């Protein structure tokens, strides 16, 4: 499948920006570039053939600015740490394996390159395989267990992901032998070398090829990917984290945050994957339908209750005073219909629906210290259905 989007854009290639990569390039004297798999704000990802073992890897080429000084990411260090810390932990299976890393100097600067295992597609695109983009409950349960195991490993390791969203959850490829079929059906002339000074090649993702025809979608595994926004528990990359609509309450009010931000983040993603609805919009017709932090806070309170006084006391005073009165209530809330999770969940019924709602409520308690940790959540009743999934 060839992308028709503008990809990363020519403007991304500049001093301290992205490195121009071409099909056939060989890096580190062993990794030959075969196809472009995708791109992000600070990286491009390529399918490469390891000339030493004749196997396939994903090569993530980071922008030079990612490790250029004061704004350096922790991604490389985090992936190495997660790989080395308690490697027998079952959550290791659901974090991308870092085979090696190296640096390469190009026209735009010094670039860190990560050699990783290739992935099939994102959770966001995986949902399009199902009616109404609603991933069936048994598959979501399986994925949730795996993601909680990944978070349990990360949090025990002193790492916070900080950016859990559908495009950062990837479906693992059951059998890398499919890549030969992918290469046959995505000929190189669909991704010809750029012309007129352009470095832009079209992405050719693996999503149309990685699931064997005879396989059961319920047997697939996920991986929690893209640790580029990760922080250490004792050293944050930045204090403003997470996609806006998935942002934990403590982050919104600029209070101190720790590992529980990942639990809130994941809870919001689960509803989106299961029922193809977003838990929060931060918008209201009365104010023109544009995102406003006040509306986002109103939605949180409507679904999960008021902000504890102790949490407000930890927030940045200028922020808290704008949105909350002296009694800890939202100032001048707009009238809204009663918000009930029960009304949004259509794909589950009966006891399973009740158990899922209870599960979400334990993930999305407004007070971060009240949220259950990954290991506690793994014991919850909703995840006990079909434990052989």
Protein backbone atom coordinates (compact mmCIF):
# COMPACT_ATOMS: atom_id res chain seq x y z
CA UNK A 1 0.00 0.00 0.00
CA UNK A 2 1.54 3.28 -1.10
CA UNK A 3 0.74 6.40 0.86
CA UNK A 4 -0.66 9.40 -0.98
CA UNK A 5 0.05 11.79 1.88
CA UNK A 6 2.82 14.39 1.77
CA UNK A 7 4.77 12.19 4.17
CA UNK A 8 7.19 13.99 6.49
CA UNK A 9 7.57 16.99 4.17
CA UNK A 10 10.64 18.48 2.51
CA UNK A 11 10.90 21.07 5.30
CA UNK A 12 11.89 18.30 7.73
CA UNK A 13 15.24 17.99 5.93
CA UNK A 14 17.49 20.75 7.20
CA UNK A 15 20.52 21.21 9.44
CA UNK A 16 19.78 19.28 12.67
CA UNK A 17 16.71 17.79 10.97
CA UNK A 18 16.04 14.43 9.31
CA UNK A 19 18.65 12.50 7.36
CA UNK A 20 17.97 11.79 3.66
CA UNK A 21 17.71 8.02 3.16
CA UNK A 22 17.52 6.25 -0.20
CA UNK A 23 16.66 2.71 -1.24
CA UNK A 24 19.83 0.68 -1.47
CA UNK A 25 21.73 2.71 1.11
CA UNK A 26 23.83 0.56 3.43
CA UNK A 27 24.36 1.69 7.02
CA UNK A 28 26.81 0.41 9.60
CA UNK A 29 28.31 -1.81 6.84
CA UNK A 30 25.39 -4.25 7.16
CA UNK A 31 21.88 -2.77 6.98
CA UNK A 32 20.61 -2.38 3.41
CA UNK A 33 17.54 -0.17 2.96
CA UNK A 34 14.73 -2.01 1.16
CA UNK A 35 11.55 0.03 1.76
CA UNK A 36 10.25 3.00 3.71
CA UNK A 37 7.80 1.84 6.38
CA UNK A 38 6.72 5.17 7.86
CA UNK A 39 7.68 8.42 9.51
CA UNK A 40 7.02 10.60 12.52
CA UNK A 41 7.70 14.11 13.67
CA UNK A 42 11.31 13.36 14.58
CA UNK A 43 12.14 10.19 12.66
CA UNK A 44 11.71 8.00 9.62
CA UNK A 45 11.44 4.20 9.76
CA UNK A 46 12.84 1.85 7.13
CA UNK A 47 12.76 -1.86 6.39
CA UNK A 48 16.37 -2.97 6.17
CA UNK A 49 17.99 -6.29 5.38
CA UNK A 50 20.75 -7.30 7.77
CA UNK A 51 23.48 -8.50 5.43
CA UNK A 52 25.11 -10.50 8.23
CA UNK A 53 22.17 -12.73 9.11
CA UNK A 54 20.02 -12.26 5.98
CA UNK A 55 17.10 -11.21 8.16
CA UNK A 56 14.91 -8.13 8.26
CA UNK A 57 14.86 -5.33 10.79
CA UNK A 58 13.27 -1.91 11.18
CA UNK A 59 15.74 0.98 11.20
CA UNK A 60 14.50 4.09 12.99
CA UNK A 61 16.51 7.12 11.92
CA UNK A 62 16.16 9.93 14.46
CA UNK A 63 16.38 13.59 13.62
CA UNK A 64 19.74 15.12 14.52
CA UNK A 65 18.03 17.46 16.99
CA UNK A 66 16.88 14.49 19.10
CA UNK A 67 20.36 14.13 20.59
CA UNK A 68 21.83 17.56 20.00
CA UNK A 69 22.12 18.84 23.57
CA UNK A 70 19.63 20.21 26.07
CA UNK A 71 16.59 18.76 24.27
CA UNK A 72 17.99 15.24 23.93
CA UNK A 73 15.47 12.41 24.15
CA UNK A 74 15.87 9.42 26.46
CA UNK A 75 14.60 6.91 23.87
CA UNK A 76 17.85 5.06 23.26
CA UNK A 77 18.78 4.92 26.93
CA UNK A 78 15.24 3.86 27.89
CA UNK A 79 15.10 1.02 25.35
CA UNK A 80 18.51 -0.27 26.44
CA UNK A 81 17.45 -0.10 30.09
CA UNK A 82 14.14 -1.88 29.44
CA UNK A 83 16.00 -4.59 27.54
CA UNK A 84 18.57 -5.13 30.29
CA UNK A 85 16.43 -4.67 33.41
CA UNK A 86 14.86 -7.96 34.53
CA UNK A 87 14.83 -9.51 31.01
CA UNK A 88 12.76 -12.46 32.30
CA UNK A 89 9.81 -10.18 33.07
CA UNK A 90 6.82 -11.27 30.91
CA UNK A 91 6.27 -7.64 29.90
CA UNK A 92 9.52 -7.63 27.90
CA UNK A 93 7.70 -9.48 25.12
CA UNK A 94 5.46 -6.47 24.58
CA UNK A 95 8.17 -3.82 24.30
CA UNK A 96 10.09 -3.53 21.00
CA UNK A 97 13.39 -5.36 21.03
CA UNK A 98 16.37 -3.09 20.45
CA UNK A 99 18.96 -5.14 18.54
CA UNK A 100 21.56 -2.40 18.45
CA UNK A 101 22.08 1.30 17.92
CA UNK A 102 24.71 3.38 16.17
CA UNK A 103 25.38 6.91 15.02
CA UNK A 104 25.75 8.17 11.48
CA UNK A 105 27.00 11.59 10.39
CA UNK A 106 25.20 13.04 7.38
CA UNK A 107 24.64 16.42 5.73
CA UNK A 108 22.16 17.47 8.42
CA UNK A 109 24.13 16.38 11.45
CA UNK A 110 24.77 13.38 13.68
CA UNK A 111 21.86 10.92 13.77
CA UNK A 112 21.14 8.14 16.23
CA UNK A 113 19.77 5.02 14.53
CA UNK A 114 17.86 2.30 16.32
CA UNK A 115 17.68 -1.25 14.95
CA UNK A 116 14.34 -2.71 16.04
CA UNK A 117 12.00 -5.55 15.17
CA UNK A 118 9.54 -4.69 12.37
CA UNK A 119 5.87 -4.26 13.32
CA UNK A 120 2.68 -4.90 11.37
CA UNK A 121 0.50 -1.82 11.93
CA UNK A 122 -0.80 0.53 14.59
CA UNK A 123 -3.78 -0.17 16.81
CA UNK A 124 -5.49 2.76 15.07
CA UNK A 125 -5.36 1.14 11.63
CA UNK A 126 -5.97 -2.35 13.04
CA UNK A 127 -9.41 -1.17 14.16
CA UNK A 128 -10.44 -0.59 10.55
CA UNK A 129 -10.47 -4.37 10.03
CA UNK A 130 -13.68 -4.56 12.08
CA UNK A 131 -17.24 -3.34 11.66
CA UNK A 132 -17.64 0.25 12.88
CA UNK A 133 -13.92 0.18 13.74
CA UNK A 134 -14.80 -1.56 17.02
CA UNK A 135 -12.18 -4.13 18.02
CA UNK A 136 -13.92 -7.16 19.61
CA UNK A 137 -13.85 -7.50 23.39
CA UNK A 138 -11.77 -10.72 23.54
CA UNK A 139 -9.03 -9.13 21.41
CA UNK A 140 -9.03 -5.93 23.48
CA UNK A 141 -8.77 -8.00 26.67
CA UNK A 142 -5.77 -9.85 25.29
CA UNK A 143 -4.10 -6.60 24.21
CA UNK A 144 -4.88 -4.96 27.56
CA UNK A 145 -3.16 -7.75 29.48
CA UNK A 146 -0.10 -7.41 27.29
CA UNK A 147 0.03 -3.61 27.61
CA UNK A 148 -0.33 -3.81 31.39
CA UNK A 149 2.52 -6.32 31.51
CA UNK A 150 4.63 -3.90 29.43
CA UNK A 151 3.77 -1.05 31.81
CA UNK A 152 4.46 -3.20 34.85
CA UNK A 153 7.93 -3.88 33.49
CA UNK A 154 8.50 -0.23 32.56
CA UNK A 155 7.28 1.16 35.88
CA UNK A 156 9.33 -1.35 37.89
CA UNK A 157 12.28 -0.20 35.78
CA UNK A 158 11.68 3.42 36.70
CA UNK A 159 10.35 4.41 33.26
CA UNK A 160 7.18 6.31 32.32
CA UNK A 161 6.01 5.98 28.71
CA UNK A 162 4.16 9.30 28.66
CA UNK A 163 2.55 9.01 25.21
CA UNK A 164 0.19 6.03 25.06
CA UNK A 165 -2.11 6.44 22.08
CA UNK A 166 -3.42 4.13 19.33
CA UNK A 167 -0.64 4.98 16.87
CA UNK A 168 2.03 4.07 19.46
CA UNK A 169 0.58 0.62 20.08
CA UNK A 170 1.71 -1.72 17.31
CA UNK A 171 0.60 -5.18 16.24
CA UNK A 172 3.48 -7.64 16.20
CA UNK A 173 4.22 -9.66 13.08
CA UNK A 174 3.59 -13.38 13.77
CA UNK A 175 6.07 -14.60 11.15
CA UNK A 176 8.71 -12.37 9.55
CA UNK A 177 8.77 -14.69 6.54
CA UNK A 178 5.88 -12.62 5.17
CA UNK A 179 8.36 -9.85 4.39
CA UNK A 180 9.56 -11.72 1.31
CA UNK A 181 5.99 -11.64 -0.02
CA UNK A 182 5.74 -7.96 0.90
CA UNK A 183 8.90 -7.17 -1.07
CA UNK A 184 7.61 -9.04 -4.12
CA UNK A 185 4.30 -7.19 -4.07
CA UNK A 186 5.69 -3.73 -3.34
CA UNK A 187 8.27 -3.41 -6.11
CA UNK A 188 11.01 -0.88 -5.72
CA UNK A 189 9.77 1.15 -8.69
CA UNK A 190 6.86 2.26 -6.49
CA UNK A 191 9.40 3.90 -4.21
CA UNK A 192 11.89 5.21 -6.71
CA UNK A 193 14.77 7.40 -5.65
CA UNK A 194 13.67 10.99 -5.10
CA UNK A 195 14.17 13.52 -7.87
CA UNK A 196 14.66 17.26 -8.12
CA UNK A 197 16.51 17.40 -4.84
CA UNK A 198 13.60 15.90 -2.90
CA UNK A 199 14.28 13.32 -0.20
CA UNK A 200 10.65 12.21 0.14
CA UNK A 201 9.86 8.58 -0.56
CA UNK A 202 6.34 7.16 -0.16
CA UNK A 203 5.78 4.88 2.83
CA UNK A 204 4.85 1.29 2.04
CA UNK A 205 3.58 -0.14 5.34
CA UNK A 206 3.41 -3.83 6.13
CA UNK A 207 -0.24 -3.73 7.23
CA UNK A 208 -1.64 -5.43 4.11
CA UNK A 209 0.78 -8.35 4.38
CA UNK A 210 1.67 -9.25 7.97
CA UNK A 211 -1.42 -11.31 8.94
CA UNK A 212 -1.32 -14.83 7.46
CA UNK A 213 -4.61 -15.74 5.76
CA UNK A 214 -5.13 -18.75 8.01
CA UNK A 215 -4.43 -16.90 11.25
CA UNK A 216 -6.89 -16.00 13.98
CA UNK A 217 -6.87 -12.29 14.75
CA UNK A 218 -7.42 -13.23 18.37
CA UNK A 219 -3.95 -14.77 18.50
CA UNK A 220 -2.09 -11.58 17.61
CA UNK A 221 0.12 -9.72 20.08
CA UNK A 222 0.83 -6.02 20.55
CA UNK A 223 3.87 -3.99 21.56
CA UNK A 224 4.00 -0.65 23.33
CA UNK A 225 6.18 1.35 20.94
CA UNK A 226 7.66 4.80 20.43
CA UNK A 227 9.43 5.59 23.68
CA UNK A 228 10.57 8.95 22.31
CA UNK A 229 8.50 10.85 24.89
CA UNK A 230 9.48 8.56 27.77
CA UNK A 231 10.79 9.89 31.08
CA UNK A 232 12.53 8.43 34.06
CA UNK A 233 10.57 8.49 37.27
CA UNK A 234 13.32 10.65 38.78
CA UNK A 235 14.03 12.78 35.68
CA UNK A 236 11.38 14.02 33.30
CA UNK A 237 12.02 14.78 29.65
CA UNK A 238 9.41 17.55 29.85
CA UNK A 239 6.55 18.37 32.20
CA UNK A 240 3.95 18.68 29.42
CA UNK A 241 3.25 15.15 28.18
CA UNK A 242 0.57 13.03 26.49
CA UNK A 243 -1.85 13.86 23.65
CA UNK A 244 -4.16 16.63 24.84
CA UNK A 245 -7.38 14.61 24.98
CA UNK A 246 -5.63 11.67 26.68
CA UNK A 247 -3.87 13.88 29.23
CA UNK A 248 -4.10 12.86 32.89
CA UNK A 249 -5.76 15.32 35.31
CA UNK A 250 -2.52 16.02 37.19
CA UNK A 251 -0.78 16.94 33.94
CA UNK A 252 -3.58 19.33 32.95
CA UNK A 253 -3.37 21.28 36.20
CA UNK A 254 0.46 21.13 36.20
CA UNK A 255 0.75 19.09 39.37
CA UNK A 256 3.63 16.64 39.93
CA UNK A 257 3.16 13.40 38.01
CA UNK A 258 4.56 9.88 38.00
CA UNK A 259 3.77 6.40 36.65
CA UNK A 260 -0.05 6.69 37.17
CA UNK A 261 -0.24 9.02 34.16
CA UNK A 262 0.25 5.94 31.97
CA UNK A 263 -2.69 4.18 33.59
CA UNK A 264 -5.07 7.08 32.91
CA UNK A 265 -3.72 7.33 29.39
CA UNK A 266 -4.28 3.64 28.65
CA UNK A 267 -7.80 3.69 30.09
CA UNK A 268 -8.87 6.41 27.67
CA UNK A 269 -7.35 4.48 24.76
CA UNK A 270 -9.20 1.26 25.65
CA UNK A 271 -12.64 2.84 25.24
CA UNK A 272 -11.58 4.32 21.92
CA UNK A 273 -10.38 0.93 20.65
CA UNK A 274 -13.37 -1.03 21.94
CA UNK A 275 -16.20 1.27 20.87
CA UNK A 276 -14.55 3.75 18.48
CA UNK A 277 -15.52 6.72 20.65
CA UNK A 278 -13.31 9.28 22.32
CA UNK A 279 -13.87 9.70 26.00
CA UNK A 280 -13.18 13.43 25.96
CA UNK A 281 -13.52 16.22 23.40
CA UNK A 282 -12.89 19.38 25.42
CA UNK A 283 -15.50 21.12 23.30
CA UNK A 284 -18.95 22.62 23.78
CA UNK A 285 -21.42 24.11 21.30
CA UNK A 286 -22.02 27.03 23.66
CA UNK A 287 -18.43 28.25 23.14
CA UNK A 288 -18.08 27.60 19.42
CA UNK A 289 -16.97 23.98 19.45
CA UNK A 290 -13.27 24.74 19.99
CA UNK A 291 -11.11 22.85 22.47
CA UNK A 292 -10.94 24.51 25.88
CA UNK A 293 -9.16 23.17 28.93
CA UNK A 294 -12.15 24.15 31.08
CA UNK A 295 -14.47 21.93 29.05
CA UNK A 296 -11.99 19.05 29.25
CA UNK A 297 -11.92 19.38 33.04
CA UNK A 298 -15.74 19.50 33.11
CA UNK A 299 -15.88 16.23 31.18
CA UNK A 300 -13.43 14.56 33.56
CA UNK A 301 -15.46 15.62 36.59
CA UNK A 302 -18.74 14.55 34.95
CA UNK A 303 -17.46 11.02 34.32
CA UNK A 304 -15.11 10.38 37.22
CA UNK A 305 -15.98 12.82 39.99
CA UNK A 306 -14.41 15.95 41.51
CA UNK A 307 -10.73 16.75 41.84
CA UNK A 308 -9.50 15.92 45.36
CA UNK A 309 -8.49 18.99 47.35
CA UNK A 310 -5.00 17.57 47.89
CA UNK A 311 -4.47 17.27 44.12
CA UNK A 312 -5.64 20.84 43.51
CA UNK A 313 -3.24 21.98 46.23
CA UNK A 314 -0.38 20.39 44.28
CA UNK A 315 -1.39 22.02 40.98
CA UNK A 316 0.07 25.25 39.66
CA UNK A 317 -1.86 27.97 41.50
CA UNK A 318 -2.34 30.17 38.45
CA UNK A 319 -3.90 27.25 36.55
CA UNK A 320 -6.06 25.97 39.43
CA UNK A 321 -7.40 29.43 40.26
CA UNK A 322 -8.54 29.97 36.66
CA UNK A 323 -10.67 26.81 36.51
CA UNK A 324 -11.67 25.99 40.11
CA UNK A 325 -13.41 27.99 42.84
CA UNK A 326 -12.42 28.05 46.52
CA UNK A 327 -14.50 24.91 47.13
CA UNK A 328 -12.70 22.93 44.42
CA UNK A 329 -15.59 23.06 41.97
CA UNK A 330 -15.26 24.05 38.31
CA UNK A 331 -16.07 27.73 37.89
CA UNK A 332 -19.27 28.47 35.94
CA UNK A 333 -19.73 25.01 34.38
CA UNK A 334 -21.84 24.86 31.25
CA UNK A 335 -25.04 22.78 31.38
CA UNK A 336 -24.41 19.24 30.12
CA UNK A 337 -26.50 16.06 29.88
CA UNK A 338 -25.62 13.48 32.52
CA UNK A 339 -22.45 11.66 31.47
CA UNK A 340 -22.49 7.88 31.92
CA UNK A 341 -19.92 5.42 30.63
CA UNK A 342 -22.75 2.91 30.28
CA UNK A 343 -24.21 4.97 27.46
CA UNK A 344 -21.02 4.91 25.41
CA UNK A 345 -20.24 1.21 25.58
CA UNK A 346 -22.28 -0.60 22.96
CA UNK A 347 -20.09 -3.60 22.18
CA UNK A 348 -20.37 -5.24 25.61
CA UNK A 349 -23.46 -6.32 27.54
CA UNK A 350 -24.45 -7.72 30.90
CA UNK A 351 -21.83 -8.67 33.47
CA UNK A 352 -18.94 -8.18 31.06
CA UNK A 353 -20.01 -4.58 30.42
CA UNK A 354 -20.33 -3.91 34.14
CA UNK A 355 -16.90 -5.42 34.78
CA UNK A 356 -15.31 -3.34 32.01
CA UNK A 357 -16.82 -0.15 33.42
CA UNK A 358 -15.53 -1.04 36.88
CA UNK A 359 -12.12 -1.74 35.35
CA UNK A 360 -12.02 1.66 33.62
CA UNK A 361 -13.12 3.46 36.76
CA UNK A 362 -10.18 1.96 38.67
CA UNK A 363 -7.79 3.13 35.94
CA UNK A 364 -9.25 6.61 35.69
CA UNK A 365 -9.60 7.81 39.22
CA UNK A 366 -8.91 11.53 39.26
CA UNK A 367 -6.44 11.25 42.12
CA UNK A 368 -3.32 9.58 40.67
CA UNK A 369 -2.43 7.73 43.87
CA UNK A 370 -5.91 6.17 43.83
CA UNK A 371 -5.44 4.48 40.44
CA UNK A 372 -4.56 0.82 40.51
CA UNK A 373 -1.07 -0.20 39.41
CA UNK A 374 -0.62 -2.52 36.40
CA UNK A 375 -0.18 -5.67 38.47
CA UNK A 376 -3.35 -4.91 40.47
CA UNK A 377 -5.32 -4.28 37.29
CA UNK A 378 -4.22 -7.62 35.85
CA UNK A 379 -6.19 -9.31 38.65
CA UNK A 380 -9.43 -7.45 37.90
CA UNK A 381 -12.52 -9.54 36.95
CA UNK A 382 -12.87 -8.13 33.39
CA UNK A 383 -9.44 -9.46 32.46
CA UNK A 384 -10.23 -12.91 33.82
CA UNK A 385 -12.68 -13.68 30.99
CA UNK A 386 -11.03 -16.01 28.51
CA UNK A 387 -7.62 -15.94 30.19
CA UNK A 388 -6.41 -18.24 27.46
CA UNK A 389 -6.99 -15.49 24.87
